[in-house]
Amino acid sequence: MKFYIVDAFTDKVFGGNPAGVVYIPEGADFPDDETMRKTAAELRYSETAFLKTLGDKKFHVRYFTPAAEVDLCGHATIATFYTLFASGAIKAGDVCDFKTMAGDLTVLVTESGVLMDMGEAQAFGTIEAPEKLEELYRIMGAEVVVPEKDGQKLYPELVSTGLTDIMMAVKDMDALNGLEPNMKALSDLSKAYDVTGVHAFTVNTTDGNVHCRNFAPLYDIDEEAATGTSNGALTYYLYKRGFVTPGKDNIFIQGEAMDRPSIITSRLTELGEGKIKIQVGGVAAILAEGEINL
């Protein structure tokens, strides 16, 4: 099986968020789940995508962390379709359909990157009780301060566009950079809330962009340099509060604390009758490729 190591959400190797991409040979089926999990663990990246071609511009993608299969992974999707573009299997302007555990999705391939559809945007409630807020912020190593923006309290909320995370606002860049989660306690909390992890963020008053950090120790990912699904969810969180303009691109900066800065773009489109579509995109850089002997 052919594999790639790809840095997603960056145009330079050693930046962004690295992912493994494994091509299933034509005519073959996916290996068993344990083999794919062990392969992801051997590659040692937070997620590895396994790609099976179903037809012309039609694919099936499955995603594994070193610990388990997950429904969807944004940066591994960007990495996957960038390799297809770089190899000539697809071209700029193509719209590709792909099957995932989060549903049937599409990506638009452009000369400047890959723009992928997120799963259905869903919110599962805010965390407002004082004892619950204290527990969350304490575990994250942060002062218990719920920021306000334009008169609104930015309470933590469970949000999904494929994977559910807790969106957690902090007051400023110093607070964001100062986060030091208790990883064992965060794993237990993630299990209790049935979420992947915590996506912490703040709006930088200097550049106007949203800066983020993502923690998912329950899935053996203490911190991740770029998370497409989480920033898709954050787009929905901000949209619900009136801070995202439909049709305009939003910029999220992530990975700075890991010295792997990533730039993630999102776009929200109103489809009418209360329906929306969220897309997340970026560029990628291929670091290595080779063969896996199984």
Protein backbone atom coordinates (compact mmCIF):
# COMPACT_ATOMS: atom_id res chain seq x y z
CA MET A 1 0.00 0.00 0.00
CA LYS A 2 1.29 3.43 -0.93
CA PHE A 3 1.51 6.00 1.86
CA TYR A 4 2.24 9.69 2.19
CA ILE A 5 3.22 11.91 5.10
CA VAL A 6 1.63 15.31 4.57
CA ASP A 7 1.67 18.58 6.50
CA ALA A 8 -1.83 20.06 6.20
CA PHE A 9 -2.91 23.68 6.56
CA THR A 10 0.50 24.98 5.54
CA ASP A 11 2.47 25.43 2.32
CA LYS A 12 5.77 24.48 3.98
CA VAL A 13 6.93 21.14 5.35
CA PHE A 14 7.40 20.99 9.11
CA GLY A 15 4.51 23.42 9.56
CA GLY A 16 0.81 22.82 9.97
CA ASN A 17 -0.57 19.48 11.15
CA PRO A 18 1.00 16.25 9.86
CA ALA A 19 -1.16 13.33 8.80
CA GLY A 20 -0.62 9.94 7.27
CA VAL A 21 -2.44 9.01 4.05
CA VAL A 22 -2.64 5.37 2.98
CA TYR A 23 -3.97 4.35 -0.45
CA ILE A 24 -5.88 1.07 -0.60
CA PRO A 25 -4.82 -0.75 -3.81
CA GLU A 26 -7.34 -0.80 -6.63
CA GLY A 27 -9.76 -3.69 -6.25
CA ALA A 28 -8.78 -4.33 -2.63
CA ASP A 29 -10.89 -3.70 0.47
CA PHE A 30 -9.86 -1.94 3.66
CA PRO A 31 -7.66 -4.01 5.98
CA ASP A 32 -9.26 -5.07 9.25
CA ASP A 33 -9.75 -2.32 11.83
CA GLU A 34 -6.94 -3.45 14.11
CA THR A 35 -4.44 -3.44 11.24
CA MET A 36 -5.44 0.11 10.32
CA ARG A 37 -5.19 1.22 13.95
CA LYS A 38 -1.74 -0.37 14.27
CA THR A 39 -0.67 1.26 11.01
CA ALA A 40 -1.78 4.66 12.35
CA ALA A 41 0.12 3.98 15.58
CA GLU A 42 3.23 2.98 13.62
CA LEU A 43 3.09 6.19 11.56
CA ARG A 44 2.75 8.04 14.87
CA TYR A 45 0.60 10.93 13.67
CA SER A 46 -2.58 12.07 15.35
CA GLU A 47 -4.65 10.78 12.41
CA THR A 48 -4.06 8.62 9.38
CA ALA A 49 -6.57 8.52 6.51
CA PHE A 50 -7.17 5.32 4.56
CA LEU A 51 -8.38 6.06 1.03
CA LYS A 52 -10.32 3.69 -1.20
CA THR A 53 -11.33 4.74 -4.73
CA LEU A 54 -14.97 3.95 -5.56
CA GLY A 55 -15.18 5.50 -9.03
CA ASP A 56 -14.50 8.71 -10.97
CA LYS A 57 -13.99 11.40 -8.30
CA LYS A 58 -15.72 9.16 -5.76
CA PHE A 59 -13.91 7.86 -2.69
CA HIS A 60 -14.36 6.23 0.70
CA VAL A 61 -12.15 7.57 3.50
CA ARG A 62 -11.69 6.13 7.00
CA TYR A 63 -9.71 7.82 9.76
CA PHE A 64 -7.69 6.25 12.56
CA THR A 65 -5.82 7.72 15.48
CA PRO A 66 -3.20 5.54 17.18
CA ALA A 67 -5.97 4.58 19.65
CA ALA A 68 -9.20 4.23 17.65
CA GLU A 69 -11.21 5.01 14.53
CA VAL A 70 -12.86 8.44 14.40
CA ASP A 71 -15.74 9.63 12.23
CA LEU A 72 -13.98 12.47 10.42
CA CYS A 73 -10.71 14.40 10.43
CA GLY A 74 -10.35 17.73 8.68
CA HIS A 75 -6.58 17.97 8.35
CA ALA A 76 -6.26 14.35 7.19
CA THR A 77 -8.94 15.05 4.56
CA ILE A 78 -7.04 18.09 3.29
CA ALA A 79 -3.89 15.94 3.20
CA THR A 80 -5.67 13.13 1.34
CA PHE A 81 -7.12 15.20 -1.45
CA TYR A 82 -3.96 17.25 -1.80
CA THR A 83 -2.04 14.02 -2.53
CA LEU A 84 -4.64 13.07 -5.13
CA PHE A 85 -4.22 16.50 -6.72
CA ALA A 86 -0.41 16.38 -6.58
CA SER A 87 -0.36 12.94 -8.16
CA GLY A 88 -2.65 14.03 -11.02
CA ALA A 89 -5.53 11.77 -9.99
CA ILE A 90 -7.77 14.83 -9.66
CA LYS A 91 -7.38 18.36 -10.99
CA ALA A 92 -8.22 21.92 -10.03
CA GLY A 93 -11.93 22.58 -10.36
CA ASP A 94 -12.95 19.01 -9.56
CA VAL A 95 -15.69 18.40 -7.02
CA CYS A 96 -15.13 15.03 -5.36
CA ASP A 97 -17.59 12.99 -3.33
CA PHE A 98 -16.36 10.96 -0.40
CA LYS A 99 -18.00 8.62 2.07
CA THR A 100 -17.12 8.90 5.78
CA MET A 101 -18.57 7.73 9.07
CA ALA A 102 -19.80 11.33 9.49
CA GLY A 103 -21.82 11.07 6.26
CA ASP A 104 -21.36 11.60 2.54
CA LEU A 105 -19.37 14.79 1.94
CA THR A 106 -17.76 16.73 -0.91
CA VAL A 107 -14.53 18.62 -1.48
CA LEU A 108 -13.72 21.31 -4.00
CA VAL A 109 -10.18 21.16 -5.34
CA THR A 110 -8.56 24.45 -6.37
CA GLU A 111 -5.08 25.55 -7.40
CA SER A 112 -4.72 27.17 -3.99
CA GLY A 113 -5.94 24.31 -1.81
CA VAL A 114 -8.78 22.03 -0.81
CA LEU A 115 -12.14 23.18 0.53
CA MET A 116 -14.14 20.41 2.24
CA ASP A 117 -17.72 20.20 3.43
CA MET A 118 -18.18 19.64 7.13
CA GLY A 119 -20.80 17.34 8.56
CA GLU A 120 -24.09 18.70 9.85
CA ALA A 121 -23.57 21.52 12.35
CA GLN A 122 -25.07 20.60 15.70
CA ALA A 123 -24.93 22.11 19.19
CA PHE A 124 -25.55 20.02 22.28
CA GLY A 125 -25.80 22.58 25.04
CA THR A 126 -23.73 25.11 26.93
CA ILE A 127 -21.82 24.69 30.17
CA GLU A 128 -23.07 27.41 32.51
CA ALA A 129 -23.40 25.91 36.00
CA PRO A 130 -20.70 27.48 38.22
CA GLU A 131 -19.38 24.12 39.45
CA LYS A 132 -19.16 22.78 35.87
CA LEU A 133 -17.37 25.90 34.66
CA GLU A 134 -14.93 25.70 37.55
CA GLU A 135 -14.24 22.04 36.78
CA LEU A 136 -13.59 22.68 33.07
CA TYR A 137 -11.37 25.75 33.47
CA ARG A 138 -9.45 24.17 36.36
CA ILE A 139 -8.73 21.04 34.33
CA MET A 140 -7.57 23.25 31.44
CA GLY A 141 -5.23 25.16 33.75
CA ALA A 142 -7.07 28.44 33.20
CA GLU A 143 -8.59 31.13 35.35
CA VAL A 144 -12.36 30.73 35.61
CA VAL A 145 -13.29 33.72 33.48
CA VAL A 146 -16.03 33.47 30.86
CA PRO A 147 -15.18 36.19 28.29
CA GLU A 148 -17.75 38.59 26.89
CA LYS A 149 -17.99 39.91 23.35
CA ASP A 150 -20.48 42.57 22.27
CA GLY A 151 -22.39 42.04 25.52
CA GLN A 152 -22.63 38.25 25.16
CA LYS A 153 -21.14 35.77 27.61
CA LEU A 154 -19.15 33.20 25.60
CA TYR A 155 -20.06 30.14 27.63
CA PRO A 156 -18.43 26.85 26.67
CA GLU A 157 -20.61 24.80 24.33
CA LEU A 158 -20.57 21.27 22.92
CA VAL A 159 -20.57 21.64 19.12
CA SER A 160 -20.03 19.26 16.21
CA THR A 161 -19.52 19.43 12.46
CA GLY A 162 -18.43 15.77 12.36
CA LEU A 163 -16.76 15.40 15.76
CA THR A 164 -18.01 16.96 18.98
CA ASP A 165 -15.69 19.25 20.94
CA ILE A 166 -16.18 21.68 23.78
CA MET A 167 -15.74 25.21 22.40
CA MET A 168 -14.04 27.10 25.24
CA ALA A 169 -13.34 30.84 25.05
CA VAL A 170 -10.50 32.36 27.04
CA LYS A 171 -10.03 36.06 27.67
CA ASP A 172 -6.88 36.81 25.63
CA MET A 173 -3.74 35.46 23.97
CA ASP A 174 -1.87 35.27 27.26
CA ALA A 175 -4.60 33.05 28.69
CA LEU A 176 -4.60 30.89 25.56
CA ASN A 177 -0.84 30.46 25.56
CA GLY A 178 -0.88 29.75 29.28
CA LEU A 179 -3.20 26.74 29.12
CA GLU A 180 -1.67 23.65 30.75
CA PRO A 181 -4.37 20.96 30.84
CA ASN A 182 -4.32 18.04 33.23
CA MET A 183 -4.41 15.44 30.46
CA LYS A 184 -5.69 12.55 32.59
CA ALA A 185 -8.48 14.68 34.04
CA LEU A 186 -9.28 16.05 30.56
CA SER A 187 -9.54 12.50 29.20
CA ASP A 188 -12.00 11.63 31.95
CA LEU A 189 -13.98 14.83 31.38
CA SER A 190 -14.10 14.20 27.62
CA LYS A 191 -15.46 10.73 28.28
CA ALA A 192 -18.06 12.11 30.69
CA TYR A 193 -19.26 14.70 28.15
CA ASP A 194 -18.90 12.25 25.23
CA VAL A 195 -16.67 14.66 23.30
CA THR A 196 -13.38 14.36 21.44
CA GLY A 197 -11.75 17.11 23.47
CA VAL A 198 -11.57 20.85 24.07
CA HIS A 199 -11.09 23.54 21.43
CA ALA A 200 -9.91 26.67 23.23
CA PHE A 201 -9.93 30.01 21.42
CA THR A 202 -9.66 33.77 21.65
CA VAL A 203 -9.99 36.65 19.19
CA ASN A 204 -6.67 38.44 18.80
CA THR A 205 -7.30 42.17 18.96
CA THR A 206 -4.07 42.82 17.06
CA ASP A 207 -4.72 40.84 13.86
CA GLY A 208 -8.49 40.28 14.19
CA ASN A 209 -8.13 36.53 13.61
CA VAL A 210 -9.31 33.74 15.89
CA HIS A 211 -6.43 31.91 17.55
CA CYS A 212 -6.99 28.37 18.83
CA ARG A 213 -5.53 25.42 20.67
CA ASN A 214 -6.99 21.91 20.55
CA PHE A 215 -6.58 19.14 23.13
CA ALA A 216 -7.83 15.55 22.75
CA PRO A 217 -5.90 13.28 25.16
CA LEU A 218 -8.76 10.77 25.22
CA TYR A 219 -7.61 9.85 21.70
CA ASP A 220 -3.88 10.01 22.52
CA ILE A 221 -3.61 13.57 21.14
CA ASP A 222 -2.40 15.89 23.89
CA GLU A 223 -2.41 18.86 21.49
CA GLU A 224 -3.05 19.17 17.77
CA ALA A 225 -1.59 21.79 15.44
CA ALA A 226 -4.65 22.08 13.15
CA THR A 227 -8.13 20.62 13.43
CA GLY A 228 -10.51 21.21 10.55
CA THR A 229 -13.59 19.73 12.20
CA SER A 230 -13.05 21.73 15.39
CA ASN A 231 -12.73 25.00 13.49
CA GLY A 232 -15.81 24.08 11.51
CA ALA A 233 -17.60 23.67 14.83
CA LEU A 234 -16.14 26.95 16.07
CA THR A 235 -17.46 28.64 12.91
CA TYR A 236 -20.95 27.47 13.88
CA TYR A 237 -20.46 28.55 17.51
CA LEU A 238 -19.50 32.06 16.38
CA TYR A 239 -22.25 32.19 13.73
CA LYS A 240 -24.93 31.43 16.32
CA ARG A 241 -23.73 34.48 18.26
CA GLY A 242 -23.62 36.80 15.25
CA PHE A 243 -19.83 36.94 14.85
CA VAL A 244 -19.57 35.17 11.46
CA THR A 245 -20.79 36.74 8.23
CA PRO A 246 -22.23 34.19 5.75
CA GLY A 247 -20.27 33.96 2.51
CA LYS A 248 -17.09 35.47 3.91
CA ASP A 249 -13.93 33.57 4.77
CA ASN A 250 -12.88 33.23 8.39
CA ILE A 251 -9.25 32.70 9.41
CA PHE A 252 -8.22 30.51 12.34
CA ILE A 253 -4.62 30.35 13.52
CA GLN A 254 -3.63 27.20 15.40
CA GLY A 255 -0.45 25.36 16.35
CA GLU A 256 1.56 28.38 17.47
CA ALA A 257 2.22 26.91 20.91
CA MET A 258 3.64 23.80 19.18
CA ASP A 259 5.85 25.84 16.83
CA ARG A 260 3.78 24.45 13.92
CA PRO A 261 1.65 27.44 12.89
CA SER A 262 -1.36 26.52 10.81
CA ILE A 263 -3.83 28.64 8.86
CA ILE A 264 -7.33 27.20 8.54
CA THR A 265 -10.01 28.89 6.42
CA SER A 266 -13.72 28.37 6.94
CA ARG A 267 -16.76 29.56 5.04
CA LEU A 268 -20.42 29.42 6.10
CA THR A 269 -23.18 29.55 3.48
CA GLU A 270 -26.86 30.04 4.27
CA LEU A 271 -28.92 27.68 2.10
CA GLY A 272 -32.36 28.96 3.07
CA GLU A 273 -35.08 27.54 5.33
CA GLY A 274 -32.68 27.68 8.27
CA LYS A 275 -30.12 25.38 6.65
CA ILE A 276 -26.42 26.15 6.42
CA LYS A 277 -23.29 24.64 4.93
CA ILE A 278 -19.87 24.97 6.54
CA GLN A 279 -16.67 24.36 4.59
CA VAL A 280 -13.14 24.23 5.92
CA GLY A 281 -10.03 24.41 3.79
CA GLY A 282 -6.35 24.95 3.41
CA VAL A 283 -3.22 23.95 1.58
CA ALA A 284 -0.73 21.16 2.26
CA ALA A 285 2.87 20.07 1.68
CA ILE A 286 4.05 16.49 1.09
CA LEU A 287 6.99 15.53 3.26
CA ALA A 288 7.49 11.87 2.29
CA GLU A 289 6.00 8.91 0.43
CA GLY A 290 6.68 5.21 0.27
CA GLU A 291 5.24 1.68 0.52
CA ILE A 292 3.71 -0.14 3.48
CA ASN A 293 4.30 -3.88 3.32
CA LEU A 294 1.25 -5.72 4.65
